[in-house]
């Protein structure tokens, strides 16, 4: 089983956790869209524009989430 790197979202102004929204998962600020769904789709090869269209999100928001994730991945020790 492949282990995915974790992303440190603690300093990202684009995400929020709201009790009662998506079971307390990280979501794109102002939406109910789980950040993990955006990143998982991108990691599986779905383009930023396709993700934005599929989930009805602004392209710039998806680009910003992907860029943040790329620069804040924390590798798991093996």
PDB file of N, CA and C in Angstrom:
ATOM      1  N   UNK A   1       0.835  -1.182   0.000  1.00  0.00           N
ATOM      2  CA  UNK A   1       0.000   0.000   0.000  1.00  0.00           C
ATOM      3  C   UNK A   1       0.878   1.243   0.000  1.00  0.00           C
ATOM      4  N   UNK A   2       0.583   2.169  -0.863  1.00  0.00           N
ATOM      5  CA  UNK A   2       1.370   3.400  -1.000  1.00  0.00           C
ATOM      6  C   UNK A   2       0.988   4.386   0.093  1.00  0.00           C
ATOM      7  N   UNK A   3       1.994   5.015   0.717  1.00  0.00           N
ATOM      8  CA  UNK A   3       1.702   6.021   1.736  1.00  0.00           C
ATOM      9  C   UNK A   3       1.853   7.405   1.129  1.00  0.00           C
ATOM     10  N   UNK A   4       0.852   8.211   1.326  1.00  0.00           N
ATOM     11  CA  UNK A   4       0.868   9.570   0.784  1.00  0.00           C
ATOM     12  C   UNK A   4       1.555  10.489   1.786  1.00  0.00           C
ATOM     13  N   UNK A   5       2.329  11.416   1.270  1.00  0.00           N
ATOM     14  CA  UNK A   5       2.942  12.416   2.137  1.00  0.00           C
ATOM     15  C   UNK A   5       1.842  13.248   2.777  1.00  0.00           C
ATOM     16  N   UNK A   6       2.093  13.664   4.000  1.00  0.00           N
ATOM     17  CA  UNK A   6       1.158  14.556   4.670  1.00  0.00           C
ATOM     18  C   UNK A   6       1.461  15.989   4.255  1.00  0.00           C
ATOM     19  N   UNK A   7       0.467  16.821   4.373  1.00  0.00           N
ATOM     20  CA  UNK A   7       0.624  18.236   4.039  1.00  0.00           C
ATOM     21  C   UNK A   7       0.353  19.038   5.308  1.00  0.00           C
ATOM     22  N   UNK A   8       1.244  19.945   5.611  1.00  0.00           N
ATOM     23  CA  UNK A   8       1.077  20.809   6.770  1.00  0.00           C
ATOM     24  C   UNK A   8       0.225  22.007   6.354  1.00  0.00           C
ATOM     25  N   UNK A   9      -1.052  21.977   6.712  1.00  0.00           N
ATOM     26  CA  UNK A   9      -1.991  23.044   6.336  1.00  0.00           C
ATOM     27  C   UNK A   9      -2.072  24.136   7.386  1.00  0.00           C
ATOM     28  N   UNK A  10      -1.280  24.054   8.449  1.00  0.00           N
ATOM     29  CA  UNK A  10      -1.443  24.949   9.588  1.00  0.00           C
ATOM     30  C   UNK A  10      -1.298  26.438   9.250  1.00  0.00           C
ATOM     31  N   UNK A  11      -0.540  26.776   8.238  1.00  0.00           N
ATOM     32  CA  UNK A  11      -0.356  28.186   7.873  1.00  0.00           C
ATOM     33  C   UNK A  11      -1.055  28.575   6.575  1.00  0.00           C
ATOM     34  N   UNK A  12      -1.988  27.752   6.134  1.00  0.00           N
ATOM     35  CA  UNK A  12      -2.664  28.025   4.867  1.00  0.00           C
ATOM     36  C   UNK A  12      -3.967  28.780   5.097  1.00  0.00           C
ATOM     37  N   UNK A  13      -4.045  30.029   4.619  1.00  0.00           N
ATOM     38  CA  UNK A  13      -5.271  30.814   4.800  1.00  0.00           C
ATOM     39  C   UNK A  13      -6.419  30.347   3.900  1.00  0.00           C
ATOM     40  N   UNK A  14      -6.150  29.400   3.012  1.00  0.00           N
ATOM     41  CA  UNK A  14      -7.162  28.936   2.064  1.00  0.00           C
ATOM     42  C   UNK A  14      -8.068  27.856   2.631  1.00  0.00           C
ATOM     43  N   UNK A  15      -7.701  27.296   3.790  1.00  0.00           N
ATOM     44  CA  UNK A  15      -8.469  26.185   4.344  1.00  0.00           C
ATOM     45  C   UNK A  15      -9.004  26.525   5.728  1.00  0.00           C
ATOM     46  N   UNK A  16     -10.044  25.803   6.115  1.00  0.00           N
ATOM     47  CA  UNK A  16     -10.610  25.970   7.443  1.00  0.00           C
ATOM     48  C   UNK A  16     -11.218  24.657   7.908  1.00  0.00           C
ATOM     49  N   UNK A  17     -11.375  24.544   9.206  1.00  0.00           N
ATOM     50  CA  UNK A  17     -12.088  23.426   9.808  1.00  0.00           C
ATOM     51  C   UNK A  17     -13.277  24.029  10.537  1.00  0.00           C
ATOM     52  N   UNK A  18     -14.468  23.532  10.209  1.00  0.00           N
ATOM     53  CA  UNK A  18     -15.668  24.021  10.873  1.00  0.00           C
ATOM     54  C   UNK A  18     -16.412  22.804  11.433  1.00  0.00           C
ATOM     55  N   UNK A  19     -16.610  22.773  12.736  1.00  0.00           N
ATOM     56  CA  UNK A  19     -17.371  21.655  13.309  1.00  0.00           C
ATOM     57  C   UNK A  19     -18.723  21.523  12.607  1.00  0.00           C
ATOM     58  N   UNK A  20     -19.076  20.310  12.273  1.00  0.00           N
ATOM     59  CA  UNK A  20     -20.346  20.074  11.608  1.00  0.00           C
ATOM     60  C   UNK A  20     -20.286  20.164  10.092  1.00  0.00           C
ATOM     61  N   UNK A  21     -19.139  20.554   9.550  1.00  0.00           N
ATOM     62  CA  UNK A  21     -18.978  20.612   8.088  1.00  0.00           C
ATOM     63  C   UNK A  21     -17.990  19.522   7.682  1.00  0.00           C
ATOM     64  N   UNK A  22     -18.463  18.582   6.882  1.00  0.00           N
ATOM     65  CA  UNK A  22     -17.642  17.466   6.395  1.00  0.00           C
ATOM     66  C   UNK A  22     -16.938  16.747   7.556  1.00  0.00           C
ATOM     67  N   UNK A  23     -17.658  16.545   8.643  1.00  0.00           N
ATOM     68  CA  UNK A  23     -17.143  15.824   9.819  1.00  0.00           C
ATOM     69  C   UNK A  23     -15.858  16.430  10.365  1.00  0.00           C
ATOM     70  N   UNK A  24     -15.711  17.735  10.240  1.00  0.00           N
ATOM     71  CA  UNK A  24     -14.536  18.417  10.774  1.00  0.00           C
ATOM     72  C   UNK A  24     -13.296  18.306   9.911  1.00  0.00           C
ATOM     73  N   UNK A  25     -13.460  17.859   8.671  1.00  0.00           N
ATOM     74  CA  UNK A  25     -12.324  17.756   7.746  1.00  0.00           C
ATOM     75  C   UNK A  25     -11.924  19.151   7.269  1.00  0.00           C
ATOM     76  N   UNK A  26     -10.674  19.280   6.827  1.00  0.00           N
ATOM     77  CA  UNK A  26     -10.226  20.531   6.223  1.00  0.00           C
ATOM     78  C   UNK A  26     -11.010  20.774   4.936  1.00  0.00           C
ATOM     79  N   UNK A  27     -11.534  21.979   4.804  1.00  0.00           N
ATOM     80  CA  UNK A  27     -12.269  22.337   3.590  1.00  0.00           C
ATOM     81  C   UNK A  27     -11.720  23.633   3.020  1.00  0.00           C
ATOM     82  N   UNK A  28     -11.952  23.849   1.749  1.00  0.00           N
ATOM     83  CA  UNK A  28     -11.605  25.109   1.109  1.00  0.00           C
ATOM     84  C   UNK A  28     -12.448  26.192   1.775  1.00  0.00           C
ATOM     85  N   UNK A  29     -11.798  27.229   2.268  1.00  0.00           N
ATOM     86  CA  UNK A  29     -12.473  28.289   3.027  1.00  0.00           C
ATOM     87  C   UNK A  29     -13.701  28.794   2.282  1.00  0.00           C
ATOM     88  N   UNK A  30     -14.818  28.879   3.001  1.00  0.00           N
ATOM     89  CA  UNK A  30     -16.056  29.393   2.434  1.00  0.00           C
ATOM     90  C   UNK A  30     -16.850  28.370   1.637  1.00  0.00           C
ATOM     91  N   UNK A  31     -16.384  27.112   1.633  1.00  0.00           N
ATOM     92  CA  UNK A  31     -17.088  26.059   0.899  1.00  0.00           C
ATOM     93  C   UNK A  31     -17.233  24.841   1.808  1.00  0.00           C
ATOM     94  N   UNK A  32     -17.840  23.807   1.269  1.00  0.00           N
ATOM     95  CA  UNK A  32     -17.906  22.510   1.947  1.00  0.00           C
ATOM     96  C   UNK A  32     -17.000  21.501   1.237  1.00  0.00           C
ATOM     97  N   UNK A  33     -16.110  21.998   0.380  1.00  0.00           N
ATOM     98  CA  UNK A  33     -15.255  21.136  -0.434  1.00  0.00           C
ATOM     99  C   UNK A  33     -14.037  20.656   0.366  1.00  0.00           C
ATOM    100  N   UNK A  34     -13.944  19.338   0.627  1.00  0.00           N
ATOM    101  CA  UNK A  34     -12.772  18.823   1.337  1.00  0.00           C
ATOM    102  C   UNK A  34     -11.495  19.050   0.525  1.00  0.00           C
ATOM    103  N   UNK A  35     -10.496  19.585   1.185  1.00  0.00           N
ATOM    104  CA  UNK A  35      -9.215  19.837   0.534  1.00  0.00           C
ATOM    105  C   UNK A  35      -8.619  18.519   0.043  1.00  0.00           C
ATOM    106  N   UNK A  36      -8.828  17.450   0.798  1.00  0.00           N
ATOM    107  CA  UNK A  36      -8.281  16.143   0.402  1.00  0.00           C
ATOM    108  C   UNK A  36      -8.817  15.696  -0.956  1.00  0.00           C
ATOM    109  N   UNK A  37     -10.063  16.033  -1.277  1.00  0.00           N
ATOM    110  CA  UNK A  37     -10.626  15.648  -2.579  1.00  0.00           C
ATOM    111  C   UNK A  37      -9.916  16.376  -3.716  1.00  0.00           C
ATOM    112  N   UNK A  38      -9.582  17.636  -3.493  1.00  0.00           N
ATOM    113  CA  UNK A  38      -8.860  18.404  -4.510  1.00  0.00           C
ATOM    114  C   UNK A  38      -7.481  17.789  -4.729  1.00  0.00           C
ATOM    115  N   UNK A  39      -6.747  17.554  -3.635  1.00  0.00           N
ATOM    116  CA  UNK A  39      -5.391  17.020  -3.738  1.00  0.00           C
ATOM    117  C   UNK A  39      -5.390  15.604  -4.273  1.00  0.00           C
ATOM    118  N   UNK A  40      -6.300  14.758  -3.803  1.00  0.00           N
ATOM    119  CA  UNK A  40      -6.356  13.376  -4.293  1.00  0.00           C
ATOM    120  C   UNK A  40      -6.612  13.340  -5.792  1.00  0.00           C
ATOM    121  N   UNK A  41      -7.545  14.158  -6.275  1.00  0.00           N
ATOM    122  CA  UNK A  41      -7.823  14.190  -7.711  1.00  0.00           C
ATOM    123  C   UNK A  41      -6.600  14.656  -8.484  1.00  0.00           C
ATOM    124  N   UNK A  42      -5.932  15.693  -7.994  1.00  0.00           N
ATOM    125  CA  UNK A  42      -4.737  16.184  -8.674  1.00  0.00           C
ATOM    126  C   UNK A  42      -3.652  15.108  -8.687  1.00  0.00           C
ATOM    127  N   UNK A  43      -3.445  14.434  -7.549  1.00  0.00           N
ATOM    128  CA  UNK A  43      -2.440  13.376  -7.465  1.00  0.00           C
ATOM    129  C   UNK A  43      -2.743  12.212  -8.411  1.00  0.00           C
ATOM    130  N   UNK A  44      -4.030  11.983  -8.702  1.00  0.00           N
ATOM    131  CA  UNK A  44      -4.426  10.920  -9.636  1.00  0.00           C
ATOM    132  C   UNK A  44      -4.353  11.362 -11.086  1.00  0.00           C
ATOM    133  N   UNK A  45      -3.939  12.624 -11.324  1.00  0.00           N
ATOM    134  CA  UNK A  45      -3.722  13.070 -12.692  1.00  0.00           C
ATOM    135  C   UNK A  45      -4.814  13.952 -13.273  1.00  0.00           C
ATOM    136  N   UNK A  46      -5.795  14.323 -12.477  1.00  0.00           N
ATOM    137  CA  UNK A  46      -6.844  15.223 -12.957  1.00  0.00           C
ATOM    138  C   UNK A  46      -6.272  16.643 -12.971  1.00  0.00           C
ATOM    139  N   UNK A  47      -6.493  17.369 -14.049  1.00  0.00           N
ATOM    140  CA  UNK A  47      -5.931  18.714 -14.168  1.00  0.00           C
ATOM    141  C   UNK A  47      -6.665  19.702 -13.259  1.00  0.00           C
ATOM    142  N   UNK A  48      -5.999  20.800 -12.967  1.00  0.00           N
ATOM    143  CA  UNK A  48      -6.582  21.853 -12.137  1.00  0.00           C
ATOM    144  C   UNK A  48      -7.894  22.333 -12.747  1.00  0.00           C
ATOM    145  N   UNK A  49      -7.913  22.563 -14.054  1.00  0.00           N
ATOM    146  CA  UNK A  49      -9.141  23.068 -14.684  1.00  0.00           C
ATOM    147  C   UNK A  49     -10.266  22.038 -14.625  1.00  0.00           C
ATOM    148  N   UNK A  50      -9.930  20.757 -14.749  1.00  0.00           N
ATOM    149  CA  UNK A  50     -10.956  19.708 -14.649  1.00  0.00           C
ATOM    150  C   UNK A  50     -11.508  19.622 -13.226  1.00  0.00           C
ATOM    151  N   UNK A  51     -10.633  19.744 -12.235  1.00  0.00           N
ATOM    152  CA  UNK A  51     -11.084  19.720 -10.839  1.00  0.00           C
ATOM    153  C   UNK A  51     -12.009  20.898 -10.573  1.00  0.00           C
ATOM    154  N   UNK A  52     -11.600  22.082 -11.019  1.00  0.00           N
ATOM    155  CA  UNK A  52     -12.415  23.281 -10.830  1.00  0.00           C
ATOM    156  C   UNK A  52     -13.793  23.111 -11.470  1.00  0.00           C
ATOM    157  N   UNK A  53     -13.818  22.570 -12.667  1.00  0.00           N
ATOM    158  CA  UNK A  53     -15.081  22.380 -13.366  1.00  0.00           C
ATOM    159  C   UNK A  53     -15.937  21.318 -12.674  1.00  0.00           C
ATOM    160  N   UNK A  54     -15.325  20.201 -12.330  1.00  0.00           N
ATOM    161  CA  UNK A  54     -16.043  19.087 -11.711  1.00  0.00           C
ATOM    162  C   UNK A  54     -16.699  19.497 -10.385  1.00  0.00           C
ATOM    163  N   UNK A  55     -15.984  20.259  -9.577  1.00  0.00           N
ATOM    164  CA  UNK A  55     -16.486  20.625  -8.257  1.00  0.00           C
ATOM    165  C   UNK A  55     -17.052  22.052  -8.192  1.00  0.00           C
ATOM    166  N   UNK A  56     -17.126  22.707  -9.357  1.00  0.00           N
ATOM    167  CA  UNK A  56     -17.669  24.061  -9.450  1.00  0.00           C
ATOM    168  C   UNK A  56     -16.940  25.018  -8.504  1.00  0.00           C
ATOM    169  N   UNK A  57     -15.599  25.033  -8.636  1.00  0.00           N
ATOM    170  CA  UNK A  57     -14.735  25.886  -7.832  1.00  0.00           C
ATOM    171  C   UNK A  57     -13.984  26.844  -8.735  1.00  0.00           C
ATOM    172  N   UNK A  58     -13.574  27.992  -8.240  1.00  0.00           N
ATOM    173  CA  UNK A  58     -12.745  28.896  -9.037  1.00  0.00           C
ATOM    174  C   UNK A  58     -11.392  28.246  -9.342  1.00  0.00           C
ATOM    175  N   UNK A  59     -10.950  28.353 -10.571  1.00  0.00           N
ATOM    176  CA  UNK A  59      -9.672  27.768 -10.977  1.00  0.00           C
ATOM    177  C   UNK A  59      -8.536  28.299 -10.111  1.00  0.00           C
ATOM    178  N   UNK A  60      -8.554  29.596  -9.798  1.00  0.00           N
ATOM    179  CA  UNK A  60      -7.454  30.159  -9.008  1.00  0.00           C
ATOM    180  C   UNK A  60      -7.406  29.564  -7.601  1.00  0.00           C
ATOM    181  N   UNK A  61      -8.543  29.209  -7.038  1.00  0.00           N
ATOM    182  CA  UNK A  61      -8.562  28.574  -5.720  1.00  0.00           C
ATOM    183  C   UNK A  61      -7.953  27.178  -5.780  1.00  0.00           C
ATOM    184  N   UNK A  62      -8.298  26.430  -6.809  1.00  0.00           N
ATOM    185  CA  UNK A  62      -7.746  25.080  -6.966  1.00  0.00           C
ATOM    186  C   UNK A  62      -6.239  25.167  -7.210  1.00  0.00           C
ATOM    187  N   UNK A  63      -5.825  26.104  -8.062  1.00  0.00           N
ATOM    188  CA  UNK A  63      -4.383  26.287  -8.314  1.00  0.00           C
ATOM    189  C   UNK A  63      -3.649  26.619  -7.023  1.00  0.00           C
ATOM    190  N   UNK A  64      -4.214  27.491  -6.201  1.00  0.00           N
ATOM    191  CA  UNK A  64      -3.572  27.901  -4.957  1.00  0.00           C
ATOM    192  C   UNK A  64      -3.464  26.737  -3.976  1.00  0.00           C
ATOM    193  N   UNK A  65      -4.504  25.926  -3.869  1.00  0.00           N
ATOM    194  CA  UNK A  65      -4.469  24.754  -2.981  1.00  0.00           C
ATOM    195  C   UNK A  65      -3.402  23.769  -3.451  1.00  0.00           C
ATOM    196  N   UNK A  66      -3.351  23.500  -4.739  1.00  0.00           N
ATOM    197  CA  UNK A  66      -2.359  22.563  -5.285  1.00  0.00           C
ATOM    198  C   UNK A  66      -0.943  23.101  -5.067  1.00  0.00           C
ATOM    199  N   UNK A  67      -0.735  24.390  -5.325  1.00  0.00           N
ATOM    200  CA  UNK A  67       0.593  24.985  -5.137  1.00  0.00           C
ATOM    201  C   UNK A  67       1.011  24.911  -3.674  1.00  0.00           C
ATOM    202  N   UNK A  68       0.093  25.210  -2.774  1.00  0.00           N
ATOM    203  CA  UNK A  68       0.410  25.143  -1.344  1.00  0.00           C
ATOM    204  C   UNK A  68       0.772  23.709  -0.961  1.00  0.00           C
ATOM    205  N   UNK A  69      -0.024  22.764  -1.416  1.00  0.00           N
ATOM    206  CA  UNK A  69       0.229  21.359  -1.087  1.00  0.00           C
ATOM    207  C   UNK A  69       1.596  20.904  -1.581  1.00  0.00           C
ATOM    208  N   UNK A  70       1.949  21.298  -2.793  1.00  0.00           N
ATOM    209  CA  UNK A  70       3.256  20.907  -3.351  1.00  0.00           C
ATOM    210  C   UNK A  70       4.406  21.444  -2.509  1.00  0.00           C
ATOM    211  N   UNK A  71       4.250  22.639  -1.967  1.00  0.00           N
ATOM    212  CA  UNK A  71       5.353  23.256  -1.241  1.00  0.00           C
ATOM    213  C   UNK A  71       5.343  22.949   0.255  1.00  0.00           C
ATOM    214  N   UNK A  72       4.323  22.235   0.738  1.00  0.00           N
ATOM    215  CA  UNK A  72       4.229  21.957   2.171  1.00  0.00           C
ATOM    216  C   UNK A  72       4.051  20.473   2.492  1.00  0.00           C
ATOM    217  N   UNK A  73       4.465  19.606   1.597  1.00  0.00           N
ATOM    218  CA  UNK A  73       4.382  18.167   1.884  1.00  0.00           C
ATOM    219  C   UNK A  73       5.441  17.798   2.918  1.00  0.00           C
ATOM    220  N   UNK A  74       5.046  16.919   3.817  1.00  0.00           N
ATOM    221  CA  UNK A  74       5.949  16.430   4.856  1.00  0.00           C
ATOM    222  C   UNK A  74       6.092  14.921   4.630  1.00  0.00           C
ATOM    223  N   UNK A  75       7.289  14.488   4.254  1.00  0.00           N
ATOM    224  CA  UNK A  75       7.511  13.068   3.958  1.00  0.00           C
ATOM    225  C   UNK A  75       7.454  12.249   5.223  1.00  0.00           C
ATOM    226  N   UNK A  76       6.881  11.052   5.104  1.00  0.00           N
ATOM    227  CA  UNK A  76       6.856  10.095   6.217  1.00  0.00           C
ATOM    228  C   UNK A  76       8.193   9.374   6.271  1.00  0.00           C
ATOM    229  N   UNK A  77       8.775   9.223   7.462  1.00  0.00           N
ATOM    230  CA  UNK A  77       9.988   8.407   7.550  1.00  0.00           C
ATOM    231  C   UNK A  77       9.655   6.946   7.246  1.00  0.00           C
ATOM    232  N   UNK A  78      10.547   6.261   6.578  1.00  0.00           N
ATOM    233  CA  UNK A  78      10.289   4.859   6.199  1.00  0.00           C
ATOM    234  C   UNK A  78      10.834   3.936   7.261  1.00  0.00           C
TER     235      UNK A  78
END
